[in-house]
Protein backbone atom coordinates (compact mmCIF):
# COMPACT_ATOMS: atom_id res chain seq x y z
CA UNK A 1 23.21 91.23 65.59
CA UNK A 2 23.67 88.52 63.01
CA UNK A 3 20.16 87.20 63.62
CA UNK A 4 18.68 90.60 62.72
CA UNK A 5 20.65 90.65 59.48
CA UNK A 6 19.37 87.20 58.52
CA UNK A 7 15.75 88.15 59.35
CA UNK A 8 16.09 91.38 57.34
CA UNK A 9 17.40 89.47 54.30
CA UNK A 10 14.64 86.87 54.55
CA UNK A 11 11.99 89.56 54.58
CA UNK A 12 13.02 90.58 51.05
CA UNK A 13 10.38 89.21 48.59
CA UNK A 14 12.97 88.11 46.03
CA UNK A 15 14.87 86.08 48.66
CA UNK A 16 11.62 84.54 49.90
CA UNK A 17 10.64 83.46 46.38
CA UNK A 18 14.05 81.88 45.73
CA UNK A 19 13.94 80.17 49.11
CA UNK A 20 10.48 78.75 48.37
CA UNK A 21 11.61 77.51 44.95
CA UNK A 22 14.75 75.91 46.43
CA UNK A 23 12.85 74.25 49.25
CA UNK A 24 10.16 73.01 46.82
CA UNK A 25 12.79 71.47 44.52
CA UNK A 26 14.55 69.89 47.51
CA UNK A 27 11.25 68.49 48.89
CA UNK A 28 10.27 67.21 45.42
CA UNK A 29 13.60 65.41 45.07
CA UNK A 30 13.16 63.77 48.46
CA UNK A 31 9.59 62.72 47.60
CA UNK A 32 10.74 61.31 44.24
CA UNK A 33 13.52 59.33 45.98
CA UNK A 34 11.08 57.92 48.52
CA UNK A 35 8.66 56.99 45.72
CA UNK A 36 11.41 55.17 43.79
CA UNK A 37 12.44 53.33 46.97
CA UNK A 38 8.84 52.20 47.67
CA UNK A 39 8.31 51.04 44.08
CA UNK A 40 11.62 49.15 44.14
CA UNK A 41 10.79 47.46 47.45
CA UNK A 42 7.36 46.40 46.22
CA UNK A 43 8.84 44.94 43.05
CA UNK A 44 11.64 43.23 44.98
CA UNK A 45 9.26 41.62 47.47
CA UNK A 46 6.91 40.51 44.68
CA UNK A 47 9.86 38.94 42.86
CA UNK A 48 11.02 37.21 46.05
CA UNK A 49 7.55 35.81 46.73
CA UNK A 50 7.32 34.55 43.13
CA UNK A 51 10.75 32.96 43.49
CA UNK A 52 9.71 31.33 46.78
CA UNK A 53 6.51 30.03 45.16
CA UNK A 54 8.54 28.50 42.33
CA UNK A 55 10.94 26.92 44.82
CA UNK A 56 8.04 25.59 46.87
CA UNK A 57 6.55 23.98 43.75
CA UNK A 58 9.73 22.01 43.06
CA UNK A 59 10.06 18.70 44.86
CA UNK A 60 12.74 18.92 47.51
CA UNK A 61 13.04 15.19 48.09
CA UNK A 62 15.15 12.86 46.02
CA UNK A 63 14.00 9.37 45.13
CA UNK A 64 14.95 6.80 47.71
CA UNK A 65 16.59 3.61 46.56
CA UNK A 66 15.11 0.56 48.26
CA UNK A 67 16.40 -2.99 48.08
CA UNK A 68 13.50 -3.88 45.76
CA UNK A 69 14.15 -1.01 43.35
CA UNK A 70 17.89 -1.75 43.43
CA UNK A 71 17.13 -5.38 42.61
CA UNK A 72 15.07 -4.28 39.58
CA UNK A 73 17.89 -2.00 38.38
CA UNK A 74 20.51 -4.76 38.83
CA UNK A 75 18.35 -7.40 37.13
CA UNK A 76 17.60 -5.07 34.23
CA UNK A 77 21.25 -4.13 33.77
CA UNK A 78 22.43 -7.75 33.85
CA UNK A 79 19.51 -8.89 31.66
CA UNK A 80 18.38 -11.39 34.26
CA UNK A 81 14.86 -12.58 34.94
CA UNK A 82 13.47 -10.08 37.50
CA UNK A 83 11.29 -12.80 39.09
CA UNK A 84 14.21 -15.22 39.53
CA UNK A 85 17.48 -13.22 39.48
CA UNK A 86 20.89 -14.84 39.72
CA UNK A 87 22.43 -11.72 41.25
CA UNK A 88 20.78 -10.69 44.51
CA UNK A 89 21.02 -7.32 46.24
CA UNK A 90 21.82 -8.05 49.88
CA UNK A 91 22.22 -4.58 51.34
CA UNK A 92 22.32 -0.90 50.46
CA UNK A 93 25.37 0.52 52.20
CA UNK A 94 25.04 4.17 51.27
CA UNK A 95 21.99 5.68 49.60
CA UNK A 96 23.38 8.93 48.23
CA UNK A 97 21.54 11.30 45.95
CA UNK A 98 23.88 10.75 42.99
CA UNK A 99 25.56 7.43 43.73
CA UNK A 100 24.40 4.51 45.86
CA UNK A 101 26.58 1.68 47.14
CA UNK A 102 25.27 -1.90 47.25
CA UNK A 103 26.40 -5.33 48.32
CA UNK A 104 25.36 -7.94 45.75
CA UNK A 105 25.79 -11.70 45.71
CA UNK A 106 26.15 -13.99 42.72
CA UNK A 107 27.09 -17.69 43.10
CA UNK A 108 27.91 -17.20 46.81
CA UNK A 109 30.39 -14.45 45.85
CA UNK A 110 29.75 -11.04 47.34
CA UNK A 111 30.76 -7.82 45.56
CA UNK A 112 30.44 -4.10 45.96
CA UNK A 113 28.27 -2.53 43.26
CA UNK A 114 27.30 1.02 42.42
CA UNK A 115 24.12 2.63 41.10
CA UNK A 116 24.41 6.13 39.67
CA UNK A 117 21.38 8.42 39.32
CA UNK A 118 18.96 5.58 40.09
CA UNK A 119 19.56 3.95 36.69
CA UNK A 120 23.19 3.10 35.86
CA UNK A 121 24.60 -0.05 37.48
CA UNK A 122 28.19 -1.19 37.54
CA UNK A 123 30.61 -3.30 39.52
CA UNK A 124 34.30 -2.69 39.67
CA UNK A 125 36.71 -0.27 41.23
CA UNK A 126 35.66 3.28 41.96
CA UNK A 127 38.29 5.84 42.86
CA UNK A 128 37.70 9.19 44.54
CA UNK A 129 39.38 12.42 43.44
CA UNK A 130 42.42 11.70 45.68
CA UNK A 131 43.03 8.30 44.07
CA UNK A 132 41.77 6.09 46.88
CA UNK A 133 40.04 2.88 45.82
CA UNK A 134 36.60 3.18 47.41
CA UNK A 135 35.54 -0.31 46.34
CA UNK A 136 38.51 -1.95 48.05
CA UNK A 137 37.93 0.11 51.19
CA UNK A 138 34.28 -0.91 51.38
CA UNK A 139 35.19 -4.55 50.80
CA UNK A 140 37.61 -4.40 53.73
CA UNK A 141 35.09 -2.57 55.90
CA UNK A 142 32.33 -5.14 55.27
CA UNK A 143 34.64 -8.20 55.24
CA UNK A 144 33.95 -9.07 51.63
CA UNK A 145 36.56 -11.23 50.00
CA UNK A 146 36.12 -10.92 46.25
CA UNK A 147 37.96 -13.80 44.59
CA UNK A 148 39.29 -11.58 41.80
CA UNK A 149 42.13 -9.98 43.76
């Protein structure tokens, strides 16, 4: 019985026209939403590929500190003759990206030295953020007896 009532109402031309208009607006809204989604996705993927290209163009490696380059940095910092230095780099203990740890020798006295950012050289105590003396710990670890203490 109810189905006949619905069919009878749908056969009315005014109801059909309103139904067509409503369905057309609804379909247009869906199509517009899908279009916006496709345009957004294309733009997003283009932006991601451009970002990946820029990241690929950047060098991902950091310069490696060798004993020879460390010797040049140490000689330059101490204003020694690079061909005949008084202070010799014996070993690179830790070659970090920001700070590198070295063992140097001058007048048969070994010390722990530090190179920061491949250019700044210093000897002396270095403390971490918890207050531990890293220089003293490395001296103990590598059996270096610096005569200053």
